[in-house]
Protein backbone atom coordinates (compact mmCIF):
# COMPACT_ATOMS: atom_id res chain seq x y z
CA MET A 1 73.76 98.96 19.70
CA MET A 2 76.88 96.86 20.62
CA ARG A 3 80.04 99.12 20.39
CA GLU A 4 83.54 98.35 21.46
CA ILE A 5 84.22 101.23 23.85
CA ILE A 6 87.82 102.09 24.84
CA ALA A 7 88.50 104.84 27.40
CA ILE A 8 91.62 107.38 26.96
CA ILE A 9 93.30 109.13 29.79
CA PRO A 10 96.02 111.65 28.68
CA ALA A 11 98.13 111.72 31.57
CA SER A 12 101.20 113.38 30.39
CA GLY A 13 100.76 116.89 31.56
CA VAL A 14 102.87 118.42 34.61
CA GLY A 15 100.04 120.58 36.30
CA SER A 16 102.17 123.70 36.64
CA ARG A 17 99.24 125.58 38.57
CA MET A 18 99.20 123.15 41.31
CA ASN A 19 102.76 124.25 42.35
CA ALA A 20 103.71 120.73 43.40
CA PRO A 21 107.31 118.98 43.16
CA PHE A 22 105.69 116.34 40.51
CA PRO A 23 102.76 116.11 38.16
CA LYS A 24 99.55 116.47 39.78
CA GLN A 25 98.02 113.30 38.94
CA TYR A 26 100.40 111.53 41.40
CA LEU A 27 99.28 113.85 44.22
CA MET A 28 97.71 111.61 47.12
CA LEU A 29 93.95 112.03 47.61
CA HIS A 30 91.98 109.94 50.16
CA GLY A 31 94.76 107.29 50.51
CA LYS A 32 95.54 106.88 46.70
CA THR A 33 97.00 109.17 43.60
CA ILE A 34 94.54 111.16 41.78
CA LEU A 35 95.34 109.02 38.63
CA GLU A 36 94.25 105.83 40.66
CA HIS A 37 90.97 107.16 41.39
CA THR A 38 90.40 108.17 38.05
CA LEU A 39 91.38 104.92 36.52
CA ASP A 40 88.98 103.16 38.87
CA CYS A 41 86.05 104.94 37.30
CA PHE A 42 86.73 102.80 34.08
CA LEU A 43 88.48 99.70 35.17
CA THR A 44 85.32 98.43 37.08
CA HIS A 45 83.01 99.39 34.28
CA PRO A 46 81.76 96.24 32.34
CA HIS A 47 81.46 97.96 28.95
CA ILE A 48 84.71 99.45 28.53
CA ARG A 49 87.10 97.01 27.01
CA LYS A 50 90.40 98.74 27.46
CA ILE A 51 91.99 101.96 28.87
CA VAL A 52 94.78 103.74 27.00
CA VAL A 53 96.70 105.86 29.21
CA ALA A 54 99.12 108.52 27.60
CA VAL A 55 102.28 109.55 29.82
CA SER A 56 105.20 111.70 29.52
CA GLU A 57 108.44 109.97 28.12
CA THR A 58 110.21 111.59 30.94
CA ASP A 59 107.51 110.79 33.62
CA GLN A 60 109.36 108.81 36.41
CA TYR A 61 106.55 108.22 38.44
CA TYR A 62 104.10 106.02 36.40
CA PRO A 63 106.21 102.71 36.83
CA GLN A 64 105.22 103.02 40.67
CA ILE A 65 101.38 102.85 39.88
CA ALA A 66 100.55 99.31 40.22
CA GLN A 67 97.09 99.86 38.29
CA LEU A 68 99.07 100.77 35.13
CA LYS A 69 100.33 97.01 34.97
CA SER A 70 96.60 95.86 34.45
CA ASP A 71 96.14 93.57 31.31
CA ASN A 72 93.25 96.16 30.69
CA ILE A 73 95.49 99.11 30.29
CA GLN A 74 97.79 100.02 27.37
CA LEU A 75 100.53 102.81 27.77
CA VAL A 76 101.50 105.24 25.07
CA PHE A 77 103.89 108.28 25.23
CA GLY A 78 102.03 111.60 25.21
CA GLY A 79 102.77 114.66 23.10
CA GLU A 80 103.41 118.36 23.86
CA THR A 81 99.59 119.20 24.37
CA ARG A 82 96.65 117.28 25.56
CA ALA A 83 95.33 117.05 22.04
CA GLU A 84 98.52 115.38 20.66
CA SER A 85 98.55 113.00 23.71
CA VAL A 86 94.98 112.16 22.64
CA PHE A 87 95.94 111.61 19.06
CA ASN A 88 98.75 109.50 20.06
CA ALA A 89 96.55 107.17 22.06
CA LEU A 90 94.03 107.12 19.09
CA SER A 91 96.87 105.69 16.96
CA VAL A 92 96.52 102.30 18.98
CA VAL A 93 92.67 102.24 18.60
CA ASP A 94 90.86 100.84 15.87
CA ASP A 95 88.74 103.41 13.93
CA HIS A 96 85.69 101.45 14.49
CA CYS A 97 85.72 101.71 18.20
CA TRP A 98 84.11 104.42 20.24
CA VAL A 99 86.46 106.24 22.63
CA LEU A 100 85.81 108.01 26.02
CA VAL A 101 88.30 110.62 26.61
CA HIS A 102 88.66 111.74 30.29
CA ASP A 103 90.99 114.07 32.16
CA ALA A 104 93.39 112.29 34.35
CA ALA A 105 92.70 114.92 36.90
CA ARG A 106 89.01 114.21 37.34
CA PRO A 107 88.76 111.40 39.87
CA CYS A 108 85.17 112.29 41.17
CA LEU A 109 83.49 110.95 38.14
CA LYS A 110 79.95 109.03 38.99
CA ARG A 111 79.09 105.80 37.52
CA SER A 112 75.66 107.34 36.92
CA ASP A 113 77.31 109.89 34.69
CA LEU A 114 79.30 107.49 32.76
CA ASP A 115 76.19 105.37 32.12
CA LYS A 116 74.14 108.28 30.90
CA LEU A 117 76.86 109.12 28.50
CA LEU A 118 77.26 105.66 27.25
CA GLN A 119 73.63 105.52 26.26
CA ILE A 120 74.12 108.29 23.69
CA ASP A 121 74.16 106.81 20.19
CA ASP A 122 74.80 109.89 17.89
CA PRO A 123 77.56 109.65 15.19
CA GLN A 124 78.51 113.20 16.21
CA GLY A 125 79.33 112.17 19.59
CA ALA A 126 78.42 113.64 23.07
CA ILE A 127 80.16 115.37 26.02
CA LEU A 128 79.29 115.71 29.70
CA ALA A 129 78.52 119.24 30.74
CA THR A 130 76.77 121.35 33.02
CA PRO A 131 74.71 124.42 32.51
CA ALA A 132 76.19 127.88 33.28
CA ILE A 133 74.77 129.18 36.68
CA ASP A 134 77.14 132.09 37.32
CA THR A 135 76.94 135.20 35.54
CA ILE A 136 79.23 135.33 32.72
CA LYS A 137 81.27 138.43 31.95
CA ARG A 138 83.36 139.14 28.63
CA ALA A 139 86.47 141.09 29.27
CA ASN A 140 88.08 143.84 27.72
CA GLY A 141 91.64 143.50 29.21
CA THR A 142 90.90 143.82 32.88
CA HIS A 143 87.51 145.33 32.57
CA ILE A 144 84.16 144.07 31.80
CA ALA A 145 83.06 144.43 27.99
CA ARG A 146 79.68 142.94 28.80
CA THR A 147 77.60 140.44 30.47
CA GLU A 148 76.86 137.29 28.36
CA ASP A 149 73.52 135.43 28.17
CA ARG A 150 74.24 132.33 30.19
CA SER A 151 70.98 130.61 29.11
CA ALA A 152 72.76 128.86 26.22
CA LEU A 153 76.15 128.50 27.89
CA TRP A 154 77.59 125.14 29.23
CA HIS A 155 80.81 124.12 31.18
CA ALA A 156 82.35 121.37 29.26
CA LEU A 157 83.47 118.35 31.12
CA THR A 158 84.70 114.81 30.46
CA PRO A 159 84.32 112.09 29.46
CA GLN A 160 83.70 113.11 25.91
CA PHE A 161 82.51 110.37 23.75
CA PHE A 162 83.14 109.96 20.02
CA PRO A 163 83.66 107.45 17.11
CA ALA A 164 87.49 107.06 17.09
CA GLY A 165 88.07 107.30 13.25
CA LYS A 166 86.04 110.65 13.30
CA LEU A 167 88.01 112.17 16.40
CA LYS A 168 91.31 111.04 14.90
CA THR A 169 90.40 112.73 11.39
CA ALA A 170 89.22 115.96 13.20
CA LEU A 171 92.23 116.20 15.42
CA ASN A 172 94.43 115.58 12.44
CA ALA A 173 92.92 118.48 10.50
CA ALA A 174 93.05 120.81 13.28
CA PHE A 175 96.61 120.41 13.77
CA GLN A 176 97.34 120.59 10.00
CA GLN A 177 95.30 124.01 9.96
CA GLY A 178 96.86 125.31 13.10
CA PHE A 179 93.42 125.35 15.15
CA THR A 180 93.79 125.47 18.67
CA VAL A 181 92.29 122.33 20.28
CA THR A 182 91.08 122.91 23.87
CA ASP A 183 88.90 119.61 24.06
CA GLU A 184 87.86 116.92 21.68
CA ALA A 185 84.77 118.54 21.09
CA SER A 186 86.22 121.57 19.96
CA ALA A 187 88.17 119.54 17.17
CA MET A 188 84.96 117.86 16.27
CA GLU A 189 83.21 121.40 16.09
CA TYR A 190 85.87 122.46 13.80
CA ALA A 191 85.33 119.52 11.59
CA GLY A 192 81.48 120.69 11.14
CA PHE A 193 80.07 118.32 13.79
CA HIS A 194 77.74 119.35 16.56
CA PRO A 195 78.04 116.80 19.41
CA GLN A 196 75.29 116.42 22.10
CA LEU A 197 75.31 118.01 25.29
CA VAL A 198 74.47 115.69 28.30
CA ALA A 199 73.85 116.98 31.78
CA GLY A 200 76.42 115.82 34.13
CA ARG A 201 77.21 116.29 37.95
CA SER A 202 78.79 119.54 39.16
CA ASP A 203 80.93 117.57 41.36
CA ASN A 204 82.85 115.99 38.48
CA ILE A 205 85.54 118.58 39.05
CA LYS A 206 88.96 118.78 37.29
CA ILE A 207 91.75 119.18 40.10
CA THR A 208 93.62 122.35 38.67
CA ARG A 209 94.85 124.35 41.65
CA PRO A 210 95.66 123.52 45.18
CA GLU A 211 92.36 124.37 46.77
CA ASP A 212 90.74 121.81 44.56
CA LEU A 213 92.12 119.00 46.30
CA ALA A 214 90.28 119.49 49.49
CA LEU A 215 87.05 119.76 47.56
CA ALA A 216 87.71 116.54 45.77
CA GLU A 217 88.67 114.84 48.82
CA PHE A 218 85.55 115.90 50.39
CA TYR A 219 83.45 114.43 47.48
CA LEU A 220 85.33 111.14 47.72
CA MET A 221 84.95 110.84 51.29
CA LYS A 222 81.16 111.60 50.75
CA GLU A 223 81.03 108.85 48.34
CA GLY A 224 82.26 106.26 50.45
CA THR A 225 79.99 107.16 53.35
């Protein structure tokens, strides 16, 4: 089925856990900023018509990123939360489009995973995810309450792929009812949908802590060899 596909990159966070003097998406990684690596994943894909990037109104760094001046990129201002930034980006997207929402700090996405996700034609949408392989503990304060059955547990990744109109409606309903949206799939679940899980690569990491930078650089260097 021919679909108009638009990527949304929420990039208005500050990344406080990185202990960096500026937002983590502008940290250098293998010769480019994290954000530039992330944008590359989508700018070179033939089936993605446009990328909407949500930046902070107080961001002093995005004007220095040459890629953001591309004709295929539209900038919007983000909100206080990631979910609000995604919602703001959806405001410039036609409801009949499909959107790929991807973390700005996931620069190691492989084309093979992106292509696999784009093959999904489910009106409830789909997300990249990896099956849980570690033993998962549920906590009671700082003590273990019990061990969870990991056989049905997955780690959610991005991109997450949904019909734009449905995602916009789901996010708006979640906001109105005070539901905390941790990712786009959680808003869709709250609205009664059951998105598909598409097995993705474990090297599609989100850079959150300082030690993640070295791992991401290793993955990017390995890809280039």
